[in-house]
Amino acid sequence: MEEKLLNYIYRKRKRLFIILIFALLFYFFLPLSLIFIPEIMNKPSFLFNLPWAWVYAILQFPMTWLFCSIYHRKAKKDEQELDAIKGEDVN
């Protein structure tokens, strides 16, 4: 039981760490790209001739929803797995 619980905690931390790193990289890329490659970020894009910086900024809204939905789905599965581990401990 303890080994399954430790394995569960390890997998959960690993998954959260990966999602956190990806989210931080995604969100901090906008200000960093405006600092280091402003000529590219200010060029008009294919989307209503908005600059690429605006397109990237608008994309951050759907990415936030995507991160939240992934976390919510994984949290449901984690809760079911934790209940199964607790159920094994009772028996």
Protein backbone atom coordinates (compact mmCIF):
# COMPACT_ATOMS: atom_id res chain seq x y z
CA MET A 1 0.00 0.00 0.00
CA GLU A 2 2.72 2.45 0.93
CA GLU A 3 4.65 1.67 -2.26
CA LYS A 4 1.55 2.37 -4.39
CA LEU A 5 0.95 5.63 -2.55
CA LEU A 6 4.55 6.76 -3.03
CA ASN A 7 4.35 5.82 -6.72
CA TYR A 8 1.11 7.80 -7.02
CA ILE A 9 2.70 10.87 -5.39
CA TYR A 10 5.78 10.61 -7.62
CA ARG A 11 3.72 10.39 -10.82
CA LYS A 12 1.47 13.28 -9.76
CA ARG A 13 4.43 15.53 -8.93
CA LYS A 14 6.16 14.64 -12.18
CA ARG A 15 3.06 15.46 -14.24
CA LEU A 16 2.46 18.74 -12.41
CA PHE A 17 6.10 19.73 -12.84
CA ILE A 18 5.96 19.10 -16.60
CA ILE A 19 2.73 21.09 -16.98
CA LEU A 20 4.12 23.92 -14.84
CA ILE A 21 7.34 24.16 -16.87
CA PHE A 22 5.43 24.15 -20.17
CA ALA A 23 2.98 26.82 -18.92
CA LEU A 24 5.76 29.08 -17.63
CA LEU A 25 7.69 28.75 -20.88
CA PHE A 26 4.57 29.50 -22.91
CA TYR A 27 3.60 32.57 -20.89
CA PHE A 28 7.08 34.05 -20.49
CA PHE A 29 7.88 33.63 -24.17
CA LEU A 30 5.71 36.64 -25.05
CA PRO A 31 7.62 39.28 -23.06
CA LEU A 32 10.95 37.66 -23.91
CA SER A 33 10.14 37.60 -27.61
CA LEU A 34 9.16 41.27 -27.47
CA ILE A 35 12.55 42.02 -25.95
CA PHE A 36 14.75 39.83 -28.14
CA ILE A 37 12.91 39.65 -31.49
CA PRO A 38 10.68 42.73 -31.70
CA GLU A 39 11.03 42.99 -35.48
CA ILE A 40 9.36 39.59 -35.95
CA MET A 41 6.71 40.12 -33.29
CA ASN A 42 5.68 43.46 -34.86
CA LYS A 43 5.25 42.06 -38.38
CA PRO A 44 1.65 41.68 -39.53
CA SER A 45 0.25 38.16 -39.39
CA PHE A 46 -2.31 36.38 -41.54
CA LEU A 47 -5.02 37.02 -38.92
CA PHE A 48 -6.58 40.42 -39.75
CA ASN A 49 -3.06 41.85 -40.15
CA LEU A 50 -2.59 41.85 -36.40
CA PRO A 51 1.03 41.86 -35.23
CA TRP A 52 2.35 38.45 -34.17
CA ALA A 53 2.63 39.70 -30.58
CA TRP A 54 -1.15 40.24 -30.47
CA VAL A 55 -1.83 36.84 -32.02
CA TYR A 56 0.40 35.18 -29.43
CA ALA A 57 -1.25 37.16 -26.63
CA ILE A 58 -4.72 36.12 -27.82
CA LEU A 59 -3.58 32.48 -27.96
CA GLN A 60 -2.78 32.62 -24.26
CA PHE A 61 -6.49 32.62 -23.41
CA PRO A 62 -7.28 29.27 -25.07
CA MET A 63 -4.05 27.83 -23.66
CA THR A 64 -5.17 28.77 -20.16
CA TRP A 65 -8.45 26.93 -20.71
CA LEU A 66 -6.55 23.98 -22.13
CA PHE A 67 -4.23 23.82 -19.11
CA CYS A 68 -7.21 24.03 -16.77
CA SER A 69 -9.13 21.31 -18.57
CA ILE A 70 -6.10 18.99 -18.63
CA TYR A 71 -5.51 19.54 -14.93
CA HIS A 72 -9.19 18.99 -14.12
CA ARG A 73 -9.32 15.73 -16.07
CA LYS A 74 -6.11 14.45 -14.51
CA ALA A 75 -7.26 15.48 -11.02
CA LYS A 76 -10.44 13.42 -11.44
CA LYS A 77 -8.40 10.36 -12.42
CA ASP A 78 -5.97 10.99 -9.56
CA GLU A 79 -8.83 11.18 -7.08
CA GLN A 80 -10.26 7.87 -8.32
CA GLU A 81 -6.85 6.24 -8.09
CA LEU A 82 -6.32 7.59 -4.58
CA ASP A 83 -9.74 6.26 -3.53
CA ALA A 84 -8.75 2.85 -4.92
CA ILE A 85 -5.51 2.94 -2.93
CA LYS A 86 -7.42 3.92 0.22
CA GLY A 87 -9.93 1.10 -0.45
CA GLU A 88 -7.08 -1.42 -0.58
CA ASP A 89 -5.82 -0.18 2.77
CA VAL A 90 -9.22 -0.76 4.44
CA ASN A 91 -9.47 -4.37 3.25
